[in-house]
């Protein structure tokens, strides 16, 4: 479950800060703490290194990253899916929701 919440946070982080491979380190330095605190509210303790690794995975293959999230969802119990749904709703309220973010979340939410 923690891996899923980290991955979903990574998607929001990318959209919120307009992250690309060229500016990823600058964005991490400026915005990681917001997502770290948000994840703590859900009982997920994430380090900068973990978040950076997740971000790197996304930047190397966004479509594959979303497919990985969907695969995680397929293996979850209903109560875990309910928590993921609540997490996504909370994160959408607090984050930035560009068109591509909405499309990513639509892909993920159809598996919830």
N, C-alpha and C. Protein backbone atom coordinates (compact mmCIF):
# COMPACT_ATOMS: atom_id res chain seq x y z
N UNK A 1 0.82 -1.19 0.00
CA UNK A 1 0.00 0.00 0.00
C UNK A 1 0.87 1.26 0.00
N UNK A 2 1.93 1.24 0.79
CA UNK A 2 2.82 2.40 0.84
C UNK A 2 3.41 2.71 -0.53
N UNK A 3 3.76 1.66 -1.29
CA UNK A 3 4.32 1.87 -2.63
C UNK A 3 3.30 2.55 -3.54
N UNK A 4 2.05 2.17 -3.40
CA UNK A 4 1.01 2.79 -4.21
C UNK A 4 0.86 4.27 -3.86
N UNK A 5 0.79 4.59 -2.59
CA UNK A 5 0.62 5.98 -2.18
C UNK A 5 1.82 6.82 -2.60
N UNK A 6 3.01 6.25 -2.53
CA UNK A 6 4.21 6.95 -2.99
C UNK A 6 4.12 7.20 -4.49
N UNK A 7 3.70 6.20 -5.25
CA UNK A 7 3.61 6.34 -6.71
C UNK A 7 2.58 7.39 -7.10
N UNK A 8 1.43 7.39 -6.45
CA UNK A 8 0.39 8.37 -6.75
C UNK A 8 0.89 9.77 -6.38
N UNK A 9 1.58 9.90 -5.27
CA UNK A 9 2.16 11.19 -4.88
C UNK A 9 3.16 11.67 -5.92
N UNK A 10 3.91 10.74 -6.46
CA UNK A 10 4.88 11.09 -7.49
C UNK A 10 4.19 11.70 -8.71
N UNK A 11 3.07 11.12 -9.11
CA UNK A 11 2.32 11.69 -10.24
C UNK A 11 1.92 13.13 -9.96
N UNK A 12 1.40 13.38 -8.78
CA UNK A 12 0.99 14.74 -8.42
C UNK A 12 2.18 15.68 -8.37
N UNK A 13 3.27 15.20 -7.82
CA UNK A 13 4.47 16.02 -7.72
C UNK A 13 4.93 16.46 -9.11
N UNK A 14 4.95 15.52 -10.05
CA UNK A 14 5.38 15.82 -11.41
C UNK A 14 4.51 16.93 -12.01
N UNK A 15 3.22 16.82 -11.84
CA UNK A 15 2.31 17.82 -12.40
C UNK A 15 2.38 19.14 -11.64
N UNK A 16 2.43 19.06 -10.34
CA UNK A 16 2.43 20.26 -9.50
C UNK A 16 3.63 21.15 -9.81
N UNK A 17 4.78 20.54 -10.00
CA UNK A 17 6.01 21.30 -10.21
C UNK A 17 6.48 21.30 -11.66
N UNK A 18 5.73 20.71 -12.57
CA UNK A 18 6.15 20.67 -13.96
C UNK A 18 7.49 19.99 -14.12
N UNK A 19 7.67 18.88 -13.44
CA UNK A 19 8.97 18.22 -13.37
C UNK A 19 9.31 17.55 -14.69
N UNK A 20 10.56 17.74 -15.09
CA UNK A 20 11.14 17.02 -16.22
C UNK A 20 12.50 16.53 -15.77
N UNK A 21 13.16 15.78 -16.62
CA UNK A 21 14.49 15.28 -16.23
C UNK A 21 15.47 16.44 -16.06
N UNK A 22 15.20 17.57 -16.70
CA UNK A 22 16.11 18.72 -16.60
C UNK A 22 16.01 19.46 -15.27
N UNK A 23 14.85 19.45 -14.64
CA UNK A 23 14.68 20.24 -13.41
C UNK A 23 14.26 19.41 -12.20
N UNK A 24 14.40 18.10 -12.28
CA UNK A 24 13.91 17.22 -11.21
C UNK A 24 14.56 17.53 -9.87
N UNK A 25 15.87 17.74 -9.85
CA UNK A 25 16.55 17.97 -8.57
C UNK A 25 16.11 19.28 -7.94
N UNK A 26 15.94 20.31 -8.74
CA UNK A 26 15.48 21.60 -8.22
C UNK A 26 14.07 21.45 -7.64
N UNK A 27 13.21 20.74 -8.35
CA UNK A 27 11.85 20.53 -7.86
C UNK A 27 11.84 19.74 -6.56
N UNK A 28 12.69 18.71 -6.48
CA UNK A 28 12.77 17.92 -5.24
C UNK A 28 13.19 18.80 -4.07
N UNK A 29 14.16 19.65 -4.30
CA UNK A 29 14.63 20.53 -3.22
C UNK A 29 13.54 21.49 -2.77
N UNK A 30 12.66 21.89 -3.69
CA UNK A 30 11.65 22.88 -3.35
C UNK A 30 10.31 22.32 -2.91
N UNK A 31 9.98 21.10 -3.30
CA UNK A 31 8.63 20.63 -3.06
C UNK A 31 8.47 19.31 -2.35
N UNK A 32 9.56 18.64 -2.07
CA UNK A 32 9.47 17.31 -1.47
C UNK A 32 8.77 17.34 -0.11
N UNK A 33 9.03 18.34 0.70
CA UNK A 33 8.50 18.37 2.07
C UNK A 33 6.98 18.36 2.11
N UNK A 34 6.32 19.05 1.17
CA UNK A 34 4.86 19.05 1.13
C UNK A 34 4.34 17.62 0.97
N UNK A 35 4.91 16.88 0.03
CA UNK A 35 4.46 15.52 -0.22
C UNK A 35 4.88 14.57 0.90
N UNK A 36 6.03 14.83 1.50
CA UNK A 36 6.47 14.01 2.63
C UNK A 36 5.47 14.16 3.78
N UNK A 37 5.08 15.39 4.08
CA UNK A 37 4.10 15.63 5.15
C UNK A 37 2.74 15.03 4.81
N UNK A 38 2.33 15.16 3.56
CA UNK A 38 1.04 14.59 3.14
C UNK A 38 1.04 13.08 3.31
N UNK A 39 2.12 12.43 2.92
CA UNK A 39 2.22 10.98 3.05
C UNK A 39 2.24 10.56 4.52
N UNK A 40 2.88 11.36 5.38
CA UNK A 40 2.90 11.05 6.81
C UNK A 40 1.49 11.00 7.39
N UNK A 41 0.61 11.86 6.87
CA UNK A 41 -0.79 11.85 7.32
C UNK A 41 -1.46 10.50 7.06
N UNK A 42 -0.93 9.75 6.10
CA UNK A 42 -1.46 8.43 5.77
C UNK A 42 -0.57 7.31 6.29
N UNK A 43 0.34 7.65 7.18
CA UNK A 43 1.18 6.64 7.81
C UNK A 43 2.33 6.14 6.96
N UNK A 44 2.69 6.91 5.93
CA UNK A 44 3.79 6.51 5.05
C UNK A 44 4.98 7.41 5.33
N UNK A 45 6.06 6.81 5.79
CA UNK A 45 7.29 7.55 6.06
C UNK A 45 8.20 7.38 4.85
N UNK A 46 8.42 8.45 4.12
CA UNK A 46 9.19 8.38 2.88
C UNK A 46 10.41 9.29 2.97
N UNK A 47 11.53 8.79 2.51
CA UNK A 47 12.76 9.58 2.50
C UNK A 47 12.89 10.30 1.16
N UNK A 48 13.75 11.28 1.13
CA UNK A 48 14.03 11.98 -0.12
C UNK A 48 14.56 11.01 -1.17
N UNK A 49 15.37 10.06 -0.74
CA UNK A 49 15.93 9.07 -1.67
C UNK A 49 14.82 8.20 -2.27
N UNK A 50 13.88 7.74 -1.44
CA UNK A 50 12.75 6.94 -1.95
C UNK A 50 11.92 7.73 -2.95
N UNK A 51 11.65 8.98 -2.60
CA UNK A 51 10.83 9.82 -3.47
C UNK A 51 11.57 10.10 -4.78
N UNK A 52 12.85 10.34 -4.68
CA UNK A 52 13.68 10.58 -5.86
C UNK A 52 13.70 9.35 -6.77
N UNK A 53 13.80 8.17 -6.18
CA UNK A 53 13.78 6.93 -6.96
C UNK A 53 12.44 6.77 -7.68
N UNK A 54 11.35 7.06 -6.99
CA UNK A 54 10.03 6.97 -7.60
C UNK A 54 9.90 7.96 -8.75
N UNK A 55 10.39 9.16 -8.53
CA UNK A 55 10.36 10.19 -9.56
C UNK A 55 11.18 9.75 -10.78
N UNK A 56 12.34 9.18 -10.54
CA UNK A 56 13.18 8.69 -11.63
C UNK A 56 12.47 7.61 -12.44
N UNK A 57 11.77 6.73 -11.76
CA UNK A 57 11.01 5.68 -12.45
C UNK A 57 9.94 6.28 -13.36
N UNK A 58 9.26 7.30 -12.85
CA UNK A 58 8.24 7.95 -13.67
C UNK A 58 8.87 8.62 -14.89
N UNK A 59 9.95 9.36 -14.68
CA UNK A 59 10.56 10.09 -15.78
C UNK A 59 11.11 9.17 -16.86
N UNK A 60 11.50 7.96 -16.47
CA UNK A 60 12.03 7.00 -17.45
C UNK A 60 10.91 6.39 -18.29
N UNK A 61 9.70 6.36 -17.79
CA UNK A 61 8.60 5.76 -18.55
C UNK A 61 7.26 6.04 -17.93
N UNK A 62 6.65 7.20 -18.22
CA UNK A 62 5.37 7.55 -17.58
C UNK A 62 4.26 6.52 -17.78
N UNK A 63 4.10 6.02 -18.97
CA UNK A 63 3.02 5.05 -19.22
C UNK A 63 3.26 3.76 -18.44
N UNK A 64 4.49 3.31 -18.40
CA UNK A 64 4.83 2.11 -17.64
C UNK A 64 4.62 2.32 -16.15
N UNK A 65 4.88 3.53 -15.69
CA UNK A 65 4.70 3.87 -14.28
C UNK A 65 3.22 3.76 -13.90
N UNK A 66 2.35 4.29 -14.74
CA UNK A 66 0.91 4.21 -14.49
C UNK A 66 0.44 2.76 -14.58
N UNK A 67 0.99 2.00 -15.51
CA UNK A 67 0.66 0.57 -15.61
C UNK A 67 1.06 -0.17 -14.34
N UNK A 68 2.21 0.21 -13.76
CA UNK A 68 2.66 -0.41 -12.51
C UNK A 68 1.66 -0.12 -11.39
N UNK A 69 1.18 1.11 -11.33
CA UNK A 69 0.19 1.48 -10.32
C UNK A 69 -1.08 0.64 -10.50
N UNK A 70 -1.52 0.52 -11.73
CA UNK A 70 -2.73 -0.26 -12.00
C UNK A 70 -2.53 -1.73 -11.64
N UNK A 71 -1.35 -2.26 -11.86
CA UNK A 71 -1.06 -3.65 -11.47
C UNK A 71 -1.12 -3.81 -9.96
N UNK A 72 -0.60 -2.82 -9.22
CA UNK A 72 -0.68 -2.86 -7.76
C UNK A 72 -2.14 -2.88 -7.31
N UNK A 73 -2.96 -2.07 -7.95
CA UNK A 73 -4.37 -2.00 -7.58
C UNK A 73 -5.08 -3.33 -7.79
N UNK A 74 -4.72 -4.03 -8.84
CA UNK A 74 -5.37 -5.32 -9.13
C UNK A 74 -5.12 -6.34 -8.03
N UNK A 75 -4.02 -6.19 -7.29
CA UNK A 75 -3.67 -7.14 -6.24
C UNK A 75 -4.18 -6.73 -4.86
N UNK A 76 -4.89 -5.61 -4.77
CA UNK A 76 -5.30 -5.09 -3.47
C UNK A 76 -6.67 -5.59 -3.04
N UNK A 77 -6.83 -5.61 -1.72
CA UNK A 77 -8.13 -5.91 -1.12
C UNK A 77 -9.00 -4.65 -1.21
N UNK A 78 -10.30 -4.82 -1.04
CA UNK A 78 -11.22 -3.70 -1.20
C UNK A 78 -10.94 -2.57 -0.20
N UNK A 79 -10.61 -2.89 1.05
CA UNK A 79 -10.36 -1.81 2.02
C UNK A 79 -9.11 -1.01 1.65
N UNK A 80 -8.13 -1.66 1.03
CA UNK A 80 -6.95 -0.94 0.56
C UNK A 80 -7.31 -0.04 -0.62
N UNK A 81 -8.17 -0.53 -1.49
CA UNK A 81 -8.63 0.29 -2.61
C UNK A 81 -9.42 1.50 -2.11
N UNK A 82 -10.22 1.30 -1.07
CA UNK A 82 -10.98 2.41 -0.50
C UNK A 82 -10.04 3.48 0.06
N UNK A 83 -8.98 3.05 0.74
CA UNK A 83 -8.00 4.00 1.27
C UNK A 83 -7.29 4.72 0.12
N UNK A 84 -6.95 4.00 -0.92
CA UNK A 84 -6.31 4.61 -2.09
C UNK A 84 -7.23 5.64 -2.73
N UNK A 85 -8.51 5.31 -2.83
CA UNK A 85 -9.49 6.24 -3.41
C UNK A 85 -9.55 7.53 -2.58
N UNK A 86 -9.57 7.40 -1.24
CA UNK A 86 -9.60 8.57 -0.37
C UNK A 86 -8.33 9.38 -0.50
N UNK A 87 -7.19 8.70 -0.56
CA UNK A 87 -5.90 9.37 -0.72
C UNK A 87 -5.88 10.19 -2.00
N UNK A 88 -6.33 9.59 -3.10
CA UNK A 88 -6.35 10.29 -4.38
C UNK A 88 -7.27 11.50 -4.31
N UNK A 89 -8.43 11.36 -3.71
CA UNK A 89 -9.36 12.48 -3.59
C UNK A 89 -8.74 13.62 -2.79
N UNK A 90 -8.09 13.30 -1.68
CA UNK A 90 -7.43 14.32 -0.86
C UNK A 90 -6.30 15.00 -1.62
N UNK A 91 -5.52 14.20 -2.32
CA UNK A 91 -4.37 14.75 -3.04
C UNK A 91 -4.82 15.63 -4.20
N UNK A 92 -5.90 15.26 -4.86
CA UNK A 92 -6.43 16.08 -5.95
C UNK A 92 -6.91 17.43 -5.43
N UNK A 93 -7.45 17.45 -4.22
CA UNK A 93 -7.90 18.71 -3.64
C UNK A 93 -6.74 19.63 -3.31
N UNK A 94 -5.64 19.06 -2.87
CA UNK A 94 -4.51 19.86 -2.41
C UNK A 94 -3.48 20.14 -3.49
N UNK A 95 -3.48 19.33 -4.53
CA UNK A 95 -2.47 19.47 -5.57
C UNK A 95 -3.00 20.23 -6.77
N UNK A 96 -2.22 20.20 -7.79
CA UNK A 96 -2.55 20.84 -9.06
C UNK A 96 -3.16 19.77 -9.96
N UNK A 97 -4.23 20.09 -10.67
CA UNK A 97 -4.83 19.07 -11.53
C UNK A 97 -4.85 19.52 -12.98
N UNK A 98 -3.75 19.29 -13.67
CA UNK A 98 -3.68 19.60 -15.09
C UNK A 98 -4.38 18.50 -15.88
N UNK A 99 -4.51 18.70 -17.17
CA UNK A 99 -5.20 17.71 -18.00
C UNK A 99 -4.53 16.35 -17.96
N UNK A 100 -3.20 16.31 -18.01
CA UNK A 100 -2.54 15.00 -18.01
C UNK A 100 -2.70 14.32 -16.66
N UNK A 101 -2.71 15.07 -15.58
CA UNK A 101 -2.93 14.48 -14.26
C UNK A 101 -4.32 13.86 -14.20
N UNK A 102 -5.30 14.55 -14.71
CA UNK A 102 -6.66 14.03 -14.71
C UNK A 102 -6.72 12.72 -15.50
N UNK A 103 -6.04 12.66 -16.63
CA UNK A 103 -6.03 11.44 -17.44
C UNK A 103 -5.35 10.30 -16.70
N UNK A 104 -4.24 10.58 -16.03
CA UNK A 104 -3.56 9.54 -15.25
C UNK A 104 -4.50 9.00 -14.17
N UNK A 105 -5.15 9.91 -13.46
CA UNK A 105 -6.02 9.48 -12.37
C UNK A 105 -7.25 8.74 -12.89
N UNK A 106 -7.76 9.13 -14.05
CA UNK A 106 -8.88 8.38 -14.63
C UNK A 106 -8.47 6.94 -14.90
N UNK A 107 -7.27 6.77 -15.41
CA UNK A 107 -6.77 5.42 -15.68
C UNK A 107 -6.66 4.62 -14.39
N UNK A 108 -6.16 5.25 -13.35
CA UNK A 108 -5.98 4.57 -12.06
C UNK A 108 -7.33 4.31 -11.39
N UNK A 109 -8.19 5.33 -11.36
CA UNK A 109 -9.45 5.21 -10.64
C UNK A 109 -10.39 4.17 -11.24
N UNK A 110 -10.28 3.90 -12.53
CA UNK A 110 -11.16 2.87 -13.10
C UNK A 110 -10.84 1.49 -12.53
N UNK A 111 -9.64 1.33 -11.96
CA UNK A 111 -9.27 0.06 -11.33
C UNK A 111 -9.61 0.01 -9.85
N UNK A 112 -10.13 1.10 -9.32
CA UNK A 112 -10.54 1.12 -7.92
C UNK A 112 -11.97 0.64 -7.84
